[in-house]
């Protein structure tokens, strides 16, 4: 099974993916952003735009996830924002056409909720560090509410472990119980956030 976690930037995709990974034995996180970062590093800075616009990104993501789902015995967790219907078809759609069991979830929240989450991960710089995410927020939320991006999951009043529980229940997956207290859970999320800071 592939569990694709979609949503706006700052919507909790990566945190949810790693919460599922922690509590789902044998699962693996495959992050398509790494394909995009690799393509960017190969290109002159002046030519870098949205890596999703590169056919090589969409093809590469399809091929890597196709291989992982075909040969890896565990659940493949994919945290990635994709809002263009054509790009969605080239990735999620093609994987389904190949016969893979792809469970797609759009993690949605009100604009104010996402902005608050972006401020929290801004490392003391507020929303300045998250200008890319803020600029695309309204478009992401509008696109992902469309029917083709279902299943929709409202996360405003849910903690990360609760979001993971909802995803797992819908996908028919059994998670180990969450035994983190508030402090340990917060520390775990901070560490995940730090590990995923972009430096390029």
N, C-alpha and C. Protein backbone atom coordinates (compact mmCIF):
# COMPACT_ATOMS: atom_id res chain seq x y z
N UNK A 1 0.83 -1.19 0.00
CA UNK A 1 0.00 0.00 0.00
C UNK A 1 0.87 1.25 0.00
N UNK A 2 0.43 2.27 -0.74
CA UNK A 2 1.04 3.59 -0.68
C UNK A 2 0.04 4.52 0.00
N UNK A 3 0.48 5.22 1.03
CA UNK A 3 -0.34 6.23 1.69
C UNK A 3 0.24 7.59 1.32
N UNK A 4 -0.49 8.32 0.47
CA UNK A 4 -0.01 9.63 0.01
C UNK A 4 -0.70 10.70 0.84
N UNK A 5 0.11 11.49 1.56
CA UNK A 5 -0.39 12.56 2.41
C UNK A 5 -0.20 13.89 1.69
N UNK A 6 -1.27 14.44 1.21
CA UNK A 6 -1.27 15.71 0.50
C UNK A 6 -1.71 16.80 1.46
N UNK A 7 -1.62 18.04 1.04
CA UNK A 7 -2.05 19.14 1.89
C UNK A 7 -1.23 20.37 1.61
N UNK A 8 -1.62 21.52 2.15
CA UNK A 8 -0.85 22.74 1.94
C UNK A 8 0.50 22.64 2.63
N UNK A 9 1.43 23.48 2.20
CA UNK A 9 2.72 23.56 2.87
C UNK A 9 2.47 24.02 4.30
N UNK A 10 2.99 23.27 5.26
CA UNK A 10 2.72 23.57 6.66
C UNK A 10 1.47 22.90 7.19
N UNK A 11 0.91 22.00 6.40
CA UNK A 11 -0.33 21.35 6.80
C UNK A 11 -0.17 20.11 7.65
N UNK A 12 1.08 19.68 7.90
CA UNK A 12 1.31 18.54 8.78
C UNK A 12 1.59 17.23 8.08
N UNK A 13 1.90 17.27 6.79
CA UNK A 13 2.13 16.03 6.04
C UNK A 13 3.33 15.25 6.56
N UNK A 14 4.47 15.93 6.70
CA UNK A 14 5.70 15.25 7.13
C UNK A 14 5.57 14.75 8.56
N UNK A 15 5.00 15.59 9.44
CA UNK A 15 4.82 15.16 10.84
C UNK A 15 3.92 13.93 10.91
N UNK A 16 2.86 13.93 10.12
CA UNK A 16 1.94 12.78 10.13
C UNK A 16 2.62 11.55 9.55
N UNK A 17 3.39 11.73 8.48
CA UNK A 17 4.09 10.60 7.88
C UNK A 17 5.02 9.93 8.89
N UNK A 18 5.78 10.73 9.64
CA UNK A 18 6.71 10.15 10.59
C UNK A 18 6.03 9.61 11.84
N UNK A 19 4.86 10.15 12.17
CA UNK A 19 4.07 9.56 13.26
C UNK A 19 3.55 8.19 12.84
N UNK A 20 3.07 8.09 11.61
CA UNK A 20 2.65 6.78 11.10
C UNK A 20 3.83 5.82 11.05
N UNK A 21 4.95 6.29 10.57
CA UNK A 21 6.15 5.45 10.46
C UNK A 21 6.57 4.92 11.83
N UNK A 22 6.52 5.78 12.83
CA UNK A 22 6.91 5.39 14.20
C UNK A 22 5.99 4.30 14.75
N UNK A 23 4.75 4.32 14.38
CA UNK A 23 3.77 3.43 14.99
C UNK A 23 3.28 2.33 14.06
N UNK A 24 3.90 2.23 12.87
CA UNK A 24 3.49 1.22 11.90
C UNK A 24 4.71 0.40 11.50
N UNK A 25 4.84 -0.76 12.08
CA UNK A 25 6.02 -1.60 11.85
C UNK A 25 6.20 -1.90 10.37
N UNK A 26 7.45 -1.78 9.91
CA UNK A 26 7.78 -2.13 8.55
C UNK A 26 7.49 -1.06 7.52
N UNK A 27 6.95 0.07 7.95
CA UNK A 27 6.65 1.15 7.00
C UNK A 27 7.92 1.93 6.67
N UNK A 28 7.85 2.69 5.57
CA UNK A 28 8.98 3.50 5.13
C UNK A 28 8.45 4.83 4.60
N UNK A 29 9.20 5.92 4.87
CA UNK A 29 8.83 7.23 4.33
C UNK A 29 9.64 7.48 3.07
N UNK A 30 8.95 7.74 1.95
CA UNK A 30 9.59 8.08 0.68
C UNK A 30 9.14 9.49 0.31
N UNK A 31 10.03 10.47 0.45
CA UNK A 31 9.68 11.88 0.29
C UNK A 31 10.03 12.37 -1.11
N UNK A 32 9.05 12.66 -1.97
CA UNK A 32 9.33 13.12 -3.33
C UNK A 32 10.07 14.45 -3.41
N UNK A 33 10.10 15.21 -2.32
CA UNK A 33 10.87 16.47 -2.35
C UNK A 33 12.33 16.20 -2.64
N UNK A 34 12.85 15.06 -2.20
CA UNK A 34 14.27 14.78 -2.42
C UNK A 34 14.58 14.66 -3.91
N UNK A 35 13.65 14.14 -4.69
CA UNK A 35 13.84 14.10 -6.14
C UNK A 35 13.93 15.52 -6.67
N UNK A 36 13.03 16.38 -6.21
CA UNK A 36 13.03 17.77 -6.65
C UNK A 36 14.29 18.52 -6.25
N UNK A 37 14.75 18.32 -5.01
CA UNK A 37 15.97 18.99 -4.56
C UNK A 37 17.16 18.56 -5.40
N UNK A 38 17.21 17.26 -5.72
CA UNK A 38 18.31 16.77 -6.55
C UNK A 38 18.31 17.40 -7.92
N UNK A 39 17.13 17.53 -8.52
CA UNK A 39 17.04 18.17 -9.82
C UNK A 39 17.45 19.64 -9.75
N UNK A 40 17.04 20.32 -8.69
CA UNK A 40 17.44 21.72 -8.52
C UNK A 40 18.96 21.87 -8.40
N UNK A 41 19.57 20.97 -7.65
CA UNK A 41 21.03 21.08 -7.45
C UNK A 41 21.79 20.88 -8.75
N UNK A 42 21.19 20.16 -9.70
CA UNK A 42 21.84 19.94 -10.99
C UNK A 42 21.71 21.14 -11.91
N UNK A 43 20.79 22.05 -11.61
CA UNK A 43 20.46 23.13 -12.53
C UNK A 43 21.11 24.44 -12.11
N UNK A 44 21.45 25.31 -13.07
CA UNK A 44 21.87 26.66 -12.72
C UNK A 44 20.77 27.35 -11.91
N UNK A 45 21.17 28.12 -10.91
CA UNK A 45 20.19 28.75 -10.02
C UNK A 45 19.17 29.59 -10.79
N UNK A 46 19.59 30.22 -11.86
CA UNK A 46 18.69 31.09 -12.62
C UNK A 46 17.57 30.31 -13.30
N UNK A 47 17.74 29.01 -13.47
CA UNK A 47 16.74 28.19 -14.16
C UNK A 47 15.80 27.46 -13.20
N UNK A 48 16.05 27.61 -11.91
CA UNK A 48 15.25 26.88 -10.94
C UNK A 48 13.90 27.55 -10.73
N UNK A 49 12.86 26.75 -10.84
CA UNK A 49 11.51 27.21 -10.55
C UNK A 49 10.85 26.16 -9.67
N UNK A 50 9.58 25.93 -9.88
CA UNK A 50 8.87 24.87 -9.16
C UNK A 50 9.28 23.54 -9.78
N UNK A 51 9.96 22.69 -9.01
CA UNK A 51 10.46 21.45 -9.60
C UNK A 51 9.34 20.53 -10.07
N UNK A 52 8.12 20.72 -9.57
CA UNK A 52 7.02 19.89 -10.04
C UNK A 52 6.70 20.14 -11.51
N UNK A 53 7.11 21.31 -12.02
CA UNK A 53 6.89 21.61 -13.43
C UNK A 53 7.82 20.83 -14.35
N UNK A 54 8.83 20.20 -13.80
CA UNK A 54 9.77 19.42 -14.60
C UNK A 54 9.19 18.02 -14.85
N UNK A 55 9.03 17.61 -16.10
CA UNK A 55 8.56 16.24 -16.37
C UNK A 55 9.45 15.19 -15.70
N UNK A 56 10.75 15.50 -15.55
CA UNK A 56 11.67 14.55 -14.91
C UNK A 56 11.27 14.30 -13.46
N UNK A 57 10.73 15.32 -12.78
CA UNK A 57 10.31 15.11 -11.39
C UNK A 57 9.12 14.16 -11.34
N UNK A 58 8.14 14.41 -12.16
CA UNK A 58 6.94 13.57 -12.13
C UNK A 58 7.25 12.14 -12.53
N UNK A 59 8.09 11.98 -13.54
CA UNK A 59 8.49 10.64 -13.96
C UNK A 59 9.32 9.95 -12.90
N UNK A 60 10.25 10.70 -12.30
CA UNK A 60 11.11 10.12 -11.27
C UNK A 60 10.33 9.68 -10.05
N UNK A 61 9.39 10.52 -9.62
CA UNK A 61 8.56 10.15 -8.46
C UNK A 61 7.75 8.90 -8.77
N UNK A 62 7.16 8.85 -9.95
CA UNK A 62 6.40 7.65 -10.33
C UNK A 62 7.28 6.42 -10.29
N UNK A 63 8.47 6.50 -10.91
CA UNK A 63 9.33 5.32 -11.01
C UNK A 63 9.81 4.85 -9.64
N UNK A 64 10.21 5.79 -8.78
CA UNK A 64 10.72 5.41 -7.46
C UNK A 64 9.61 4.78 -6.62
N UNK A 65 8.42 5.39 -6.63
CA UNK A 65 7.33 4.85 -5.83
C UNK A 65 6.80 3.54 -6.41
N UNK A 66 6.81 3.41 -7.71
CA UNK A 66 6.42 2.15 -8.34
C UNK A 66 7.36 1.03 -7.90
N UNK A 67 8.66 1.32 -7.91
CA UNK A 67 9.65 0.34 -7.48
C UNK A 67 9.49 -0.01 -6.01
N UNK A 68 9.33 1.04 -5.16
CA UNK A 68 9.20 0.80 -3.72
C UNK A 68 7.96 -0.03 -3.41
N UNK A 69 6.84 0.32 -4.04
CA UNK A 69 5.61 -0.41 -3.76
C UNK A 69 5.66 -1.84 -4.29
N UNK A 70 6.39 -2.04 -5.38
CA UNK A 70 6.50 -3.36 -5.98
C UNK A 70 7.39 -4.29 -5.17
N UNK A 71 8.49 -3.76 -4.65
CA UNK A 71 9.51 -4.62 -4.06
C UNK A 71 9.64 -4.52 -2.54
N UNK A 72 9.12 -3.45 -1.95
CA UNK A 72 9.25 -3.31 -0.50
C UNK A 72 8.00 -3.87 0.16
N UNK A 73 8.15 -4.71 1.18
CA UNK A 73 6.97 -5.39 1.74
C UNK A 73 6.09 -4.54 2.63
N UNK A 74 6.62 -3.39 3.11
CA UNK A 74 5.85 -2.58 4.04
C UNK A 74 5.07 -1.47 3.36
N UNK A 75 4.33 -0.72 4.17
CA UNK A 75 3.56 0.41 3.67
C UNK A 75 4.51 1.56 3.33
N UNK A 76 4.28 2.19 2.17
CA UNK A 76 5.10 3.30 1.70
C UNK A 76 4.35 4.60 2.00
N UNK A 77 4.96 5.46 2.81
CA UNK A 77 4.34 6.72 3.23
C UNK A 77 4.93 7.87 2.43
N UNK A 78 4.07 8.67 1.81
CA UNK A 78 4.52 9.70 0.87
C UNK A 78 3.95 11.06 1.29
N UNK A 79 4.74 11.93 1.93
CA UNK A 79 4.26 13.28 2.25
C UNK A 79 4.61 14.24 1.13
N UNK A 80 3.61 14.70 0.36
CA UNK A 80 3.92 15.58 -0.77
C UNK A 80 2.70 16.38 -1.19
N UNK A 81 2.88 17.68 -1.31
CA UNK A 81 1.84 18.56 -1.83
C UNK A 81 1.80 18.47 -3.35
N UNK A 82 0.66 18.07 -3.90
CA UNK A 82 0.43 18.11 -5.34
C UNK A 82 -0.98 18.66 -5.55
N UNK A 83 -1.08 19.83 -6.18
CA UNK A 83 -2.38 20.47 -6.35
C UNK A 83 -2.81 20.59 -7.81
N UNK A 84 -1.89 20.38 -8.73
CA UNK A 84 -2.22 20.45 -10.16
C UNK A 84 -2.87 19.13 -10.56
N UNK A 85 -4.11 19.15 -11.04
CA UNK A 85 -4.78 17.89 -11.39
C UNK A 85 -4.02 17.04 -12.41
N UNK A 86 -3.34 17.69 -13.36
CA UNK A 86 -2.59 16.92 -14.36
C UNK A 86 -1.38 16.24 -13.70
N UNK A 87 -0.70 16.94 -12.81
CA UNK A 87 0.45 16.35 -12.12
C UNK A 87 -0.01 15.23 -11.19
N UNK A 88 -1.17 15.42 -10.58
CA UNK A 88 -1.75 14.39 -9.72
C UNK A 88 -2.01 13.12 -10.53
N UNK A 89 -2.55 13.30 -11.73
CA UNK A 89 -2.80 12.15 -12.60
C UNK A 89 -1.51 11.46 -12.99
N UNK A 90 -0.44 12.23 -13.24
CA UNK A 90 0.84 11.66 -13.65
C UNK A 90 1.56 10.93 -12.52
N UNK A 91 1.18 11.19 -11.29
CA UNK A 91 1.84 10.54 -10.16
C UNK A 91 0.88 9.55 -9.49
N UNK A 92 -0.06 10.05 -8.74
CA UNK A 92 -1.02 9.18 -8.05
C UNK A 92 -1.82 8.35 -9.05
N UNK A 93 -2.31 9.01 -10.10
CA UNK A 93 -3.11 8.29 -11.09
C UNK A 93 -2.36 7.16 -11.77
N UNK A 94 -1.13 7.43 -12.17
CA UNK A 94 -0.34 6.38 -12.84
C UNK A 94 -0.03 5.23 -11.89
N UNK A 95 0.23 5.54 -10.64
CA UNK A 95 0.51 4.48 -9.67
C UNK A 95 -0.72 3.58 -9.50
N UNK A 96 -1.88 4.19 -9.49
CA UNK A 96 -3.11 3.39 -9.39
C UNK A 96 -3.32 2.56 -10.65
N UNK A 97 -3.02 3.15 -11.80
CA UNK A 97 -3.15 2.40 -13.06
C UNK A 97 -2.22 1.20 -13.10
N UNK A 98 -1.09 1.30 -12.41
CA UNK A 98 -0.14 0.18 -12.34
C UNK A 98 -0.63 -0.92 -11.39
N UNK A 99 -1.73 -0.67 -10.74
CA UNK A 99 -2.30 -1.68 -9.86
C UNK A 99 -1.95 -1.51 -8.40
N UNK A 100 -1.27 -0.40 -8.04
CA UNK A 100 -0.91 -0.19 -6.64
C UNK A 100 -2.12 0.32 -5.85
N UNK A 101 -2.20 -0.08 -4.60
CA UNK A 101 -3.25 0.37 -3.69
C UNK A 101 -2.78 1.70 -3.09
N UNK A 102 -3.21 2.81 -3.70
CA UNK A 102 -2.80 4.14 -3.25
C UNK A 102 -3.94 4.76 -2.47
N UNK A 103 -3.70 5.02 -1.19
CA UNK A 103 -4.68 5.72 -0.35
C UNK A 103 -4.23 7.17 -0.25
N UNK A 104 -5.03 8.07 -0.77
CA UNK A 104 -4.68 9.49 -0.82
C UNK A 104 -5.50 10.26 0.21
N UNK A 105 -4.81 11.11 0.97
CA UNK A 105 -5.47 11.95 1.97
C UNK A 105 -5.02 13.40 1.80
N UNK A 106 -5.97 14.31 1.73
CA UNK A 106 -5.67 15.74 1.72
C UNK A 106 -5.89 16.25 3.14
N UNK A 107 -4.80 16.60 3.81
CA UNK A 107 -4.86 17.12 5.17
C UNK A 107 -5.17 18.62 5.08
N UNK A 108 -6.38 18.98 5.42
CA UNK A 108 -6.84 20.35 5.26
C UNK A 108 -7.05 21.03 6.61
N UNK A 109 -6.99 22.35 6.60
CA UNK A 109 -7.24 23.15 7.79
C UNK A 109 -7.62 24.55 7.33
N UNK A 110 -8.21 25.30 8.23
CA UNK A 110 -8.51 26.69 7.92
C UNK A 110 -7.22 27.48 7.71
N UNK A 111 -7.31 28.54 6.93
CA UNK A 111 -6.13 29.36 6.61
C UNK A 111 -5.40 29.81 7.87
N UNK A 112 -6.17 30.26 8.88
CA UNK A 112 -5.55 30.75 10.12
C UNK A 112 -4.78 29.65 10.83
N UNK A 113 -5.30 28.44 10.79
CA UNK A 113 -4.62 27.31 11.42
C UNK A 113 -3.29 27.03 10.75
N UNK A 114 -3.28 27.02 9.42
CA UNK A 114 -2.03 26.75 8.69
C UNK A 114 -1.02 27.86 8.94
N UNK A 115 -1.48 29.12 8.94
CA UNK A 115 -0.56 30.23 9.20
C UNK A 115 0.06 30.12 10.60
N UNK A 116 -0.74 29.71 11.58
CA UNK A 116 -0.20 29.52 12.93
C UNK A 116 0.86 28.43 12.94
N UNK A 117 0.61 27.35 12.23
CA UNK A 117 1.59 26.26 12.18
C UNK A 117 2.87 26.71 11.46
N UNK A 118 2.72 27.50 10.43
CA UNK A 118 3.90 28.01 9.72
C UNK A 118 4.71 28.94 10.61
N UNK A 119 4.03 29.76 11.41
CA UNK A 119 4.75 30.63 12.34
C UNK A 119 5.55 29.81 13.34
N UNK A 120 4.94 28.73 13.84
CA UNK A 120 5.59 27.88 14.83
C UNK A 120 6.85 27.22 14.29
N UNK A 121 6.87 26.91 12.99
CA UNK A 121 8.04 26.24 12.44
C UNK A 121 9.01 27.25 11.79
N UNK A 122 8.73 28.54 11.98
CA UNK A 122 9.55 29.58 11.35
C UNK A 122 10.84 29.90 12.05
N UNK A 123 11.19 29.14 13.10
CA UNK A 123 12.46 29.30 13.82
C UNK A 123 12.69 30.74 14.27
N UNK A 124 11.65 31.34 14.84
CA UNK A 124 11.80 32.69 15.38
C UNK A 124 11.69 33.79 14.34
N UNK A 125 11.57 33.45 13.08
CA UNK A 125 11.47 34.45 12.03
C UNK A 125 10.04 34.62 11.55
N UNK A 126 9.10 34.03 12.28
CA UNK A 126 7.71 34.16 11.87
C UNK A 126 7.47 33.61 10.49
N UNK A 127 6.71 34.35 9.70
CA UNK A 127 6.34 33.89 8.37
C UNK A 127 7.35 34.29 7.30
N UNK A 128 8.39 35.07 7.66
CA UNK A 128 9.37 35.48 6.65
C UNK A 128 10.06 34.27 6.04
N UNK A 129 10.41 33.30 6.87
CA UNK A 129 11.08 32.10 6.38
C UNK A 129 10.14 31.24 5.54
N UNK A 130 8.84 31.44 5.69
CA UNK A 130 7.84 30.60 5.02
C UNK A 130 7.11 31.34 3.91
N UNK A 131 7.79 32.29 3.26
CA UNK A 131 7.12 33.12 2.26
C UNK A 131 6.58 32.29 1.09
N UNK A 132 7.32 31.25 0.68
CA UNK A 132 6.86 30.38 -0.42
C UNK A 132 5.56 29.71 -0.04
N UNK A 133 5.50 29.17 1.18
CA UNK A 133 4.31 28.46 1.64
C UNK A 133 3.12 29.41 1.76
N UNK A 134 3.35 30.60 2.29
CA UNK A 134 2.27 31.57 2.47
C UNK A 134 1.72 32.01 1.12
N UNK A 135 2.61 32.26 0.16
CA UNK A 135 2.19 32.73 -1.16
C UNK A 135 1.29 31.71 -1.86
N UNK A 136 1.48 30.44 -1.57
CA UNK A 136 0.72 29.39 -2.25
C UNK A 136 -0.43 28.84 -1.43
N UNK A 137 -0.60 29.34 -0.22
CA UNK A 137 -1.55 28.74 0.71
C UNK A 137 -2.98 28.75 0.17
N UNK A 138 -3.48 29.91 -0.24
CA UNK A 138 -4.88 30.00 -0.66
C UNK A 138 -5.14 29.11 -1.88
N UNK A 139 -4.22 29.11 -2.83
CA UNK A 139 -4.39 28.26 -4.00
C UNK A 139 -4.38 26.79 -3.65
N UNK A 140 -3.49 26.41 -2.73
CA UNK A 140 -3.43 25.00 -2.29
C UNK A 140 -4.74 24.57 -1.65
N UNK A 141 -5.23 25.39 -0.72
CA UNK A 141 -6.45 25.02 0.00
C UNK A 141 -7.63 24.92 -0.96
N UNK A 142 -7.73 25.86 -1.90
CA UNK A 142 -8.85 25.83 -2.84
C UNK A 142 -8.78 24.59 -3.73
N UNK A 143 -7.59 24.30 -4.25
CA UNK A 143 -7.44 23.15 -5.15
C UNK A 143 -7.71 21.84 -4.44
N UNK A 144 -7.18 21.70 -3.24
CA UNK A 144 -7.26 20.41 -2.55
C UNK A 144 -8.65 20.10 -2.01
N UNK A 145 -9.53 21.10 -2.00
CA UNK A 145 -10.90 20.84 -1.58
C UNK A 145 -11.75 20.25 -2.70
N UNK A 146 -11.18 20.19 -3.91
CA UNK A 146 -11.92 19.63 -5.05
C UNK A 146 -12.08 18.11 -4.89
N UNK A 147 -13.13 17.55 -5.50
CA UNK A 147 -13.43 16.12 -5.30
C UNK A 147 -12.29 15.18 -5.71
N UNK A 148 -11.53 15.52 -6.76
CA UNK A 148 -10.49 14.60 -7.21
C UNK A 148 -9.37 14.42 -6.19
N UNK A 149 -9.31 15.32 -5.18
CA UNK A 149 -8.27 15.21 -4.17
C UNK A 149 -8.77 14.59 -2.87
N UNK A 150 -9.94 13.99 -2.89
CA UNK A 150 -10.42 13.27 -1.71
C UNK A 150 -9.52 12.03 -1.50
N UNK A 151 -9.39 11.58 -0.33
CA UNK A 151 -10.18 11.78 0.87
C UNK A 151 -9.70 13.02 1.61
N UNK A 152 -10.65 13.85 2.06
CA UNK A 152 -10.33 15.06 2.77
C UNK A 152 -10.40 14.81 4.28
N UNK A 153 -9.42 15.36 4.99
CA UNK A 153 -9.37 15.21 6.44
C UNK A 153 -9.10 16.57 7.08
N UNK A 154 -10.08 17.09 7.80
CA UNK A 154 -9.92 18.37 8.50
C UNK A 154 -9.08 18.16 9.76
N UNK A 155 -8.01 18.92 9.88
CA UNK A 155 -7.05 18.69 10.97
C UNK A 155 -7.00 19.82 12.00
N UNK A 156 -7.86 20.82 11.87
CA UNK A 156 -7.76 22.00 12.75
C UNK A 156 -7.75 21.64 14.23
N UNK A 157 -8.59 20.73 14.63
CA UNK A 157 -8.75 20.41 16.06
C UNK A 157 -8.10 19.07 16.42
N UNK A 158 -7.22 18.58 15.55
CA UNK A 158 -6.59 17.28 15.81
C UNK A 158 -5.10 17.45 16.07
N UNK A 159 -4.57 16.64 16.97
CA UNK A 159 -3.13 16.57 17.16
C UNK A 159 -2.53 15.70 16.06
N UNK A 160 -1.21 15.72 15.92
CA UNK A 160 -0.56 14.87 14.92
C UNK A 160 -0.89 13.39 15.16
N UNK A 161 -0.78 12.89 16.39
CA UNK A 161 -1.16 11.48 16.60
C UNK A 161 -2.61 11.18 16.23
N UNK A 162 -3.50 12.13 16.47
CA UNK A 162 -4.90 11.91 16.12
C UNK A 162 -5.10 11.89 14.61
N UNK A 163 -4.37 12.74 13.89
CA UNK A 163 -4.44 12.71 12.43
C UNK A 163 -3.95 11.35 11.92
N UNK A 164 -2.83 10.89 12.49
CA UNK A 164 -2.30 9.58 12.10
C UNK A 164 -3.32 8.48 12.38
N UNK A 165 -4.00 8.55 13.52
CA UNK A 165 -5.02 7.56 13.85
C UNK A 165 -6.15 7.55 12.82
N UNK A 166 -6.58 8.74 12.39
CA UNK A 166 -7.67 8.84 11.42
C UNK A 166 -7.24 8.26 10.07
N UNK A 167 -6.03 8.61 9.64
CA UNK A 167 -5.52 8.08 8.37
C UNK A 167 -5.44 6.56 8.43
N UNK A 168 -4.86 6.05 9.50
CA UNK A 168 -4.70 4.60 9.64
C UNK A 168 -6.05 3.89 9.65
N UNK A 169 -7.00 4.44 10.38
CA UNK A 169 -8.32 3.80 10.45
C UNK A 169 -8.97 3.76 9.06
N UNK A 170 -8.87 4.84 8.33
CA UNK A 170 -9.48 4.88 7.00
C UNK A 170 -8.79 3.91 6.04
N UNK A 171 -7.47 3.77 6.19
CA UNK A 171 -6.70 2.89 5.31
C UNK A 171 -6.70 1.44 5.77
N UNK A 172 -7.29 1.17 6.92
CA UNK A 172 -7.33 -0.20 7.43
C UNK A 172 -6.01 -0.67 8.00
N UNK A 173 -5.23 0.26 8.56
CA UNK A 173 -3.92 -0.06 9.12
C UNK A 173 -3.99 -0.05 10.65
N UNK A 174 -3.26 -0.94 11.28
CA UNK A 174 -3.23 -1.02 12.73
C UNK A 174 -1.95 -0.39 13.26
N UNK A 175 -2.10 0.68 14.02
CA UNK A 175 -0.95 1.36 14.62
C UNK A 175 -0.74 0.88 16.05
N UNK A 176 0.49 0.94 16.51
CA UNK A 176 0.74 0.72 17.93
C UNK A 176 0.20 1.94 18.68
N UNK A 177 -0.16 1.79 19.95
CA UNK A 177 -0.70 2.93 20.69
C UNK A 177 0.33 4.06 20.81
N UNK A 178 -0.18 5.27 20.84
CA UNK A 178 0.68 6.43 21.07
C UNK A 178 0.91 6.58 22.57
N UNK A 179 2.13 6.41 23.00
CA UNK A 179 2.45 6.50 24.43
C UNK A 179 3.18 7.79 24.78
N UNK A 180 3.34 8.70 23.83
CA UNK A 180 4.01 9.97 24.10
C UNK A 180 3.15 10.86 24.99
N UNK A 181 3.78 11.49 25.99
CA UNK A 181 3.14 12.56 26.72
C UNK A 181 3.27 13.84 25.93
N UNK A 182 2.64 14.94 26.40
CA UNK A 182 2.71 16.20 25.65
C UNK A 182 4.13 16.70 25.41
N UNK A 183 5.00 16.61 26.42
CA UNK A 183 6.36 17.12 26.27
C UNK A 183 7.17 16.28 25.29
N UNK A 184 7.10 14.97 25.44
CA UNK A 184 7.85 14.10 24.54
C UNK A 184 7.34 14.22 23.10
N UNK A 185 6.03 14.33 22.94
CA UNK A 185 5.47 14.49 21.61
C UNK A 185 5.92 15.79 20.97
N UNK A 186 5.94 16.86 21.76
CA UNK A 186 6.39 18.15 21.24
C UNK A 186 7.85 18.09 20.84
N UNK A 187 8.68 17.48 21.68
CA UNK A 187 10.10 17.34 21.36
C UNK A 187 10.31 16.52 20.10
N UNK A 188 9.54 15.47 19.94
CA UNK A 188 9.65 14.63 18.76
C UNK A 188 9.32 15.44 17.50
N UNK A 189 8.27 16.25 17.55
CA UNK A 189 7.89 17.04 16.39
C UNK A 189 8.92 18.11 16.07
N UNK A 190 9.50 18.70 17.10
CA UNK A 190 10.55 19.70 16.87
C UNK A 190 11.74 19.06 16.16
N UNK A 191 12.15 17.89 16.61
CA UNK A 191 13.29 17.21 16.00
C UNK A 191 13.00 16.83 14.55
N UNK A 192 11.81 16.38 14.28
CA UNK A 192 11.44 16.07 12.89
C UNK A 192 11.49 17.34 12.04
N UNK A 193 10.97 18.44 12.60
CA UNK A 193 11.00 19.71 11.87
C UNK A 193 12.42 20.16 11.56
N UNK A 194 13.31 20.04 12.54
CA UNK A 194 14.71 20.46 12.35
C UNK A 194 15.38 19.60 11.28
N UNK A 195 15.10 18.30 11.30
CA UNK A 195 15.71 17.40 10.31
C UNK A 195 15.25 17.70 8.89
N UNK A 196 14.13 18.39 8.74
CA UNK A 196 13.60 18.64 7.40
C UNK A 196 13.70 20.11 6.99
N UNK A 197 14.59 20.84 7.62
CA UNK A 197 14.82 22.22 7.20
C UNK A 197 15.59 22.22 5.89
N UNK A 198 15.12 22.98 4.93
CA UNK A 198 15.82 23.09 3.65
C UNK A 198 16.98 24.08 3.80
N UNK A 199 18.14 23.67 3.32
CA UNK A 199 19.32 24.52 3.43
C UNK A 199 19.80 25.01 2.07
N UNK A 200 19.08 24.72 1.01
CA UNK A 200 19.50 25.18 -0.32
C UNK A 200 18.44 26.04 -0.96
